[in-house]
Amino acid sequence: MSNFVFTPSEEQIKNSNIQSFMNKHEISSLTELSHKAKTNLDWYWKAVCEDIGIVWDKK
């Protein structure tokens, strides 16, 4: 028996925002994404903001 409340189907994973983000950045696993995010914070936050359309305004 699984301890997860919800397990997405392969189709849901394939069509998810996180999978789209990973595909765009040629990242093959959540482990790889986690490592890249932890070791390159500047890249990660720039990529996330660009991906979801956040525009920061410097004052």
PDB file of N, CA and C in Angstrom:
ATOM      1  N   MET A   1       0.841  -1.190   0.000  1.00  0.00           N
ATOM      2  CA  MET A   1       0.000   0.000   0.000  1.00  0.00           C
ATOM      3  C   MET A   1       0.884   1.251   0.000  1.00  0.00           C
ATOM      4  N   SER A   2       0.516   2.201  -0.818  1.00  0.00           N
ATOM      5  CA  SER A   2       1.277   3.444  -0.948  1.00  0.00           C
ATOM      6  C   SER A   2       0.946   4.407   0.184  1.00  0.00           C
ATOM      7  N   ASN A   3       1.947   5.173   0.623  1.00  0.00           N
ATOM      8  CA  ASN A   3       1.723   6.199   1.639  1.00  0.00           C
ATOM      9  C   ASN A   3       1.308   7.529   1.031  1.00  0.00           C
ATOM     10  N   PHE A   4       1.226   7.586  -0.294  1.00  0.00           N
ATOM     11  CA  PHE A   4       0.847   8.820  -0.963  1.00  0.00           C
ATOM     12  C   PHE A   4      -0.671   8.936  -1.047  1.00  0.00           C
ATOM     13  N   VAL A   5      -1.162  10.142  -0.839  1.00  0.00           N
ATOM     14  CA  VAL A   5      -2.594  10.400  -0.956  1.00  0.00           C
ATOM     15  C   VAL A   5      -2.991  10.421  -2.429  1.00  0.00           C
ATOM     16  N   PHE A   6      -2.094  10.935  -3.262  1.00  0.00           N
ATOM     17  CA  PHE A   6      -2.378  11.058  -4.689  1.00  0.00           C
ATOM     18  C   PHE A   6      -1.127  10.712  -5.479  1.00  0.00           C
ATOM     19  N   THR A   7      -1.281   9.911  -6.485  1.00  0.00           N
ATOM     20  CA  THR A   7      -0.192   9.604  -7.404  1.00  0.00           C
ATOM     21  C   THR A   7      -0.677   9.948  -8.807  1.00  0.00           C
ATOM     22  N   PRO A   8      -0.013  10.909  -9.462  1.00  0.00           N
ATOM     23  CA  PRO A   8      -0.473  11.315 -10.794  1.00  0.00           C
ATOM     24  C   PRO A   8      -0.239  10.223 -11.830  1.00  0.00           C
ATOM     25  N   SER A   9      -1.096  10.223 -12.830  1.00  0.00           N
ATOM     26  CA  SER A   9      -0.923   9.283 -13.936  1.00  0.00           C
ATOM     27  C   SER A   9       0.235   9.756 -14.814  1.00  0.00           C
ATOM     28  N   GLU A  10       0.707   8.876 -15.677  1.00  0.00           N
ATOM     29  CA  GLU A  10       1.778   9.244 -16.608  1.00  0.00           C
ATOM     30  C   GLU A  10       1.346  10.428 -17.476  1.00  0.00           C
ATOM     31  N   GLU A  11       0.096  10.438 -17.891  1.00  0.00           N
ATOM     32  CA  GLU A  11      -0.430  11.537 -18.717  1.00  0.00           C
ATOM     33  C   GLU A  11      -0.417  12.855 -17.941  1.00  0.00           C
ATOM     34  N   GLN A  12      -0.804  12.826 -16.674  1.00  0.00           N
ATOM     35  CA  GLN A  12      -0.776  14.037 -15.847  1.00  0.00           C
ATOM     36  C   GLN A  12       0.650  14.542 -15.657  1.00  0.00           C
ATOM     37  N   ILE A  13       1.576  13.642 -15.448  1.00  0.00           N
ATOM     38  CA  ILE A  13       2.983  14.029 -15.299  1.00  0.00           C
ATOM     39  C   ILE A  13       3.478  14.655 -16.597  1.00  0.00           C
ATOM     40  N   LYS A  14       3.197  14.004 -17.705  1.00  0.00           N
ATOM     41  CA  LYS A  14       3.637  14.479 -19.020  1.00  0.00           C
ATOM     42  C   LYS A  14       3.131  15.895 -19.308  1.00  0.00           C
ATOM     43  N   ASN A  15       1.927  16.211 -18.858  1.00  0.00           N
ATOM     44  CA  ASN A  15       1.309  17.508 -19.142  1.00  0.00           C
ATOM     45  C   ASN A  15       1.460  18.522 -18.012  1.00  0.00           C
ATOM     46  N   SER A  16       2.266  18.221 -17.010  1.00  0.00           N
ATOM     47  CA  SER A  16       2.402  19.115 -15.857  1.00  0.00           C
ATOM     48  C   SER A  16       3.327  20.292 -16.150  1.00  0.00           C
ATOM     49  N   ASN A  17       3.143  21.361 -15.409  1.00  0.00           N
ATOM     50  CA  ASN A  17       3.993  22.546 -15.550  1.00  0.00           C
ATOM     51  C   ASN A  17       5.444  22.238 -15.202  1.00  0.00           C
ATOM     52  N   ILE A  18       5.654  21.442 -14.171  1.00  0.00           N
ATOM     53  CA  ILE A  18       7.029  21.136 -13.769  1.00  0.00           C
ATOM     54  C   ILE A  18       7.729  20.312 -14.850  1.00  0.00           C
ATOM     55  N   GLN A  19       7.012  19.400 -15.490  1.00  0.00           N
ATOM     56  CA  GLN A  19       7.614  18.610 -16.573  1.00  0.00           C
ATOM     57  C   GLN A  19       7.928  19.499 -17.767  1.00  0.00           C
ATOM     58  N   SER A  20       7.047  20.430 -18.066  1.00  0.00           N
ATOM     59  CA  SER A  20       7.296  21.390 -19.146  1.00  0.00           C
ATOM     60  C   SER A  20       8.553  22.209 -18.862  1.00  0.00           C
ATOM     61  N   PHE A  21       8.693  22.671 -17.626  1.00  0.00           N
ATOM     62  CA  PHE A  21       9.872  23.431 -17.210  1.00  0.00           C
ATOM     63  C   PHE A  21      11.133  22.583 -17.368  1.00  0.00           C
ATOM     64  N   MET A  22      11.070  21.351 -16.913  1.00  0.00           N
ATOM     65  CA  MET A  22      12.230  20.464 -17.003  1.00  0.00           C
ATOM     66  C   MET A  22      12.589  20.177 -18.461  1.00  0.00           C
ATOM     67  N   ASN A  23      11.602  19.964 -19.301  1.00  0.00           N
ATOM     68  CA  ASN A  23      11.860  19.717 -20.720  1.00  0.00           C
ATOM     69  C   ASN A  23      12.535  20.925 -21.365  1.00  0.00           C
ATOM     70  N   LYS A  24      12.039  22.111 -21.048  1.00  0.00           N
ATOM     71  CA  LYS A  24      12.584  23.339 -21.616  1.00  0.00           C
ATOM     72  C   LYS A  24      14.060  23.506 -21.271  1.00  0.00           C
ATOM     73  N   HIS A  25      14.443  23.054 -20.084  1.00  0.00           N
ATOM     74  CA  HIS A  25      15.819  23.225 -19.614  1.00  0.00           C
ATOM     75  C   HIS A  25      16.639  21.935 -19.701  1.00  0.00           C
ATOM     76  N   GLU A  26      16.100  20.953 -20.434  1.00  0.00           N
ATOM     77  CA  GLU A  26      16.789  19.675 -20.667  1.00  0.00           C
ATOM     78  C   GLU A  26      17.229  19.001 -19.367  1.00  0.00           C
ATOM     79  N   ILE A  27      16.294  18.957 -18.430  1.00  0.00           N
ATOM     80  CA  ILE A  27      16.518  18.315 -17.133  1.00  0.00           C
ATOM     81  C   ILE A  27      15.694  17.033 -17.120  1.00  0.00           C
ATOM     82  N   SER A  28      16.331  15.917 -16.794  1.00  0.00           N
ATOM     83  CA  SER A  28      15.674  14.622 -16.959  1.00  0.00           C
ATOM     84  C   SER A  28      15.014  14.047 -15.708  1.00  0.00           C
ATOM     85  N   SER A  29      15.270  14.637 -14.539  1.00  0.00           N
ATOM     86  CA  SER A  29      14.668  14.081 -13.322  1.00  0.00           C
ATOM     87  C   SER A  29      14.482  15.167 -12.264  1.00  0.00           C
ATOM     88  N   LEU A  30      13.612  14.886 -11.317  1.00  0.00           N
ATOM     89  CA  LEU A  30      13.426  15.826 -10.206  1.00  0.00           C
ATOM     90  C   LEU A  30      14.695  15.934  -9.372  1.00  0.00           C
ATOM     91  N   THR A  31      15.432  14.849  -9.267  1.00  0.00           N
ATOM     92  CA  THR A  31      16.701  14.878  -8.535  1.00  0.00           C
ATOM     93  C   THR A  31      17.675  15.838  -9.210  1.00  0.00           C
ATOM     94  N   GLU A  32      17.756  15.767 -10.528  1.00  0.00           N
ATOM     95  CA  GLU A  32      18.638  16.672 -11.273  1.00  0.00           C
ATOM     96  C   GLU A  32      18.180  18.122 -11.119  1.00  0.00           C
ATOM     97  N   LEU A  33      16.876  18.360 -11.198  1.00  0.00           N
ATOM     98  CA  LEU A  33      16.347  19.711 -11.018  1.00  0.00           C
ATOM     99  C   LEU A  33      16.672  20.233  -9.627  1.00  0.00           C
ATOM    100  N   SER A  34      16.472  19.414  -8.618  1.00  0.00           N
ATOM    101  CA  SER A  34      16.760  19.810  -7.243  1.00  0.00           C
ATOM    102  C   SER A  34      18.232  20.176  -7.077  1.00  0.00           C
ATOM    103  N   HIS A  35      19.104  19.353  -7.621  1.00  0.00           N
ATOM    104  CA  HIS A  35      20.547  19.619  -7.526  1.00  0.00           C
ATOM    105  C   HIS A  35      20.908  20.920  -8.237  1.00  0.00           C
ATOM    106  N   LYS A  36      20.387  21.094  -9.444  1.00  0.00           N
ATOM    107  CA  LYS A  36      20.702  22.302 -10.213  1.00  0.00           C
ATOM    108  C   LYS A  36      20.176  23.544  -9.501  1.00  0.00           C
ATOM    109  N   ALA A  37      18.986  23.462  -8.935  1.00  0.00           N
ATOM    110  CA  ALA A  37      18.406  24.601  -8.219  1.00  0.00           C
ATOM    111  C   ALA A  37      19.226  24.952  -6.978  1.00  0.00           C
ATOM    112  N   LYS A  38      19.684  23.944  -6.257  1.00  0.00           N
ATOM    113  CA  LYS A  38      20.458  24.181  -5.034  1.00  0.00           C
ATOM    114  C   LYS A  38      21.856  24.718  -5.315  1.00  0.00           C
ATOM    115  N   THR A  39      22.436  24.313  -6.430  1.00  0.00           N
ATOM    116  CA  THR A  39      23.813  24.709  -6.726  1.00  0.00           C
ATOM    117  C   THR A  39      23.911  25.944  -7.615  1.00  0.00           C
ATOM    118  N   ASN A  40      22.788  26.389  -8.161  1.00  0.00           N
ATOM    119  CA  ASN A  40      22.799  27.560  -9.030  1.00  0.00           C
ATOM    120  C   ASN A  40      21.512  28.355  -8.821  1.00  0.00           C
ATOM    121  N   LEU A  41      21.410  28.996  -7.664  1.00  0.00           N
ATOM    122  CA  LEU A  41      20.192  29.728  -7.307  1.00  0.00           C
ATOM    123  C   LEU A  41      19.858  30.834  -8.297  1.00  0.00           C
ATOM    124  N   ASP A  42      20.864  31.549  -8.787  1.00  0.00           N
ATOM    125  CA  ASP A  42      20.603  32.621  -9.751  1.00  0.00           C
ATOM    126  C   ASP A  42      19.914  32.080 -11.000  1.00  0.00           C
ATOM    127  N   TRP A  43      20.445  30.983 -11.536  1.00  0.00           N
ATOM    128  CA  TRP A  43      19.819  30.371 -12.706  1.00  0.00           C
ATOM    129  C   TRP A  43      18.385  29.959 -12.389  1.00  0.00           C
ATOM    130  N   TYR A  44      18.207  29.272 -11.266  1.00  0.00           N
ATOM    131  CA  TYR A  44      16.894  28.734 -10.916  1.00  0.00           C
ATOM    132  C   TYR A  44      15.830  29.816 -10.832  1.00  0.00           C
ATOM    133  N   TRP A  45      16.081  30.854 -10.059  1.00  0.00           N
ATOM    134  CA  TRP A  45      15.054  31.877  -9.879  1.00  0.00           C
ATOM    135  C   TRP A  45      14.807  32.679 -11.144  1.00  0.00           C
ATOM    136  N   LYS A  46      15.839  32.917 -11.923  1.00  0.00           N
ATOM    137  CA  LYS A  46      15.651  33.596 -13.208  1.00  0.00           C
ATOM    138  C   LYS A  46      14.785  32.732 -14.123  1.00  0.00           C
ATOM    139  N   ALA A  47      15.082  31.442 -14.206  1.00  0.00           N
ATOM    140  CA  ALA A  47      14.338  30.521 -15.063  1.00  0.00           C
ATOM    141  C   ALA A  47      12.889  30.387 -14.612  1.00  0.00           C
ATOM    142  N   VAL A  48      12.660  30.282 -13.315  1.00  0.00           N
ATOM    143  CA  VAL A  48      11.293  30.155 -12.795  1.00  0.00           C
ATOM    144  C   VAL A  48      10.493  31.420 -13.086  1.00  0.00           C
ATOM    145  N   CYS A  49      11.073  32.577 -12.795  1.00  0.00           N
ATOM    146  CA  CYS A  49      10.367  33.844 -13.036  1.00  0.00           C
ATOM    147  C   CYS A  49      10.040  34.008 -14.513  1.00  0.00           C
ATOM    148  N   GLU A  50      10.982  33.664 -15.371  1.00  0.00           N
ATOM    149  CA  GLU A  50      10.743  33.742 -16.810  1.00  0.00           C
ATOM    150  C   GLU A  50       9.644  32.768 -17.223  1.00  0.00           C
ATOM    151  N   ASP A  51       9.677  31.576 -16.676  1.00  0.00           N
ATOM    152  CA  ASP A  51       8.718  30.533 -17.034  1.00  0.00           C
ATOM    153  C   ASP A  51       7.288  30.910 -16.653  1.00  0.00           C
ATOM    154  N   ILE A  52       7.106  31.526 -15.491  1.00  0.00           N
ATOM    155  CA  ILE A  52       5.744  31.855 -15.053  1.00  0.00           C
ATOM    156  C   ILE A  52       5.363  33.308 -15.310  1.00  0.00           C
ATOM    157  N   GLY A  53       6.291  34.059 -15.904  1.00  0.00           N
ATOM    158  CA  GLY A  53       5.955  35.408 -16.342  1.00  0.00           C
ATOM    159  C   GLY A  53       6.056  36.501 -15.299  1.00  0.00           C
ATOM    160  N   ILE A  54       6.853  36.290 -14.263  1.00  0.00           N
ATOM    161  CA  ILE A  54       7.041  37.335 -13.255  1.00  0.00           C
ATOM    162  C   ILE A  54       8.067  38.331 -13.777  1.00  0.00           C
ATOM    163  N   VAL A  55       7.719  39.606 -13.726  1.00  0.00           N
ATOM    164  CA  VAL A  55       8.633  40.666 -14.127  1.00  0.00           C
ATOM    165  C   VAL A  55       8.911  41.519 -12.903  1.00  0.00           C
ATOM    166  N   TRP A  56      10.180  41.621 -12.531  1.00  0.00           N
ATOM    167  CA  TRP A  56      10.576  42.427 -11.382  1.00  0.00           C
ATOM    168  C   TRP A  56      10.950  43.819 -11.867  1.00  0.00           C
ATOM    169  N   ASP A  57      10.635  44.804 -11.075  1.00  0.00           N
ATOM    170  CA  ASP A  57      10.923  46.187 -11.421  1.00  0.00           C
ATOM    171  C   ASP A  57      11.882  46.750 -10.394  1.00  0.00           C
ATOM    172  N   LYS A  58      13.079  47.136 -10.833  1.00  0.00           N
ATOM    173  CA  LYS A  58      14.053  47.723  -9.910  1.00  0.00           C
ATOM    174  C   LYS A  58      13.702  49.186  -9.677  1.00  0.00           C
ATOM    175  N   LYS A  59      13.858  49.624  -8.431  1.00  0.00           N
ATOM    176  CA  LYS A  59      13.606  51.027  -8.090  1.00  0.00           C
ATOM    177  C   LYS A  59      14.871  51.676  -7.644  1.00  0.00           C
TER     178      LYS A  59
END
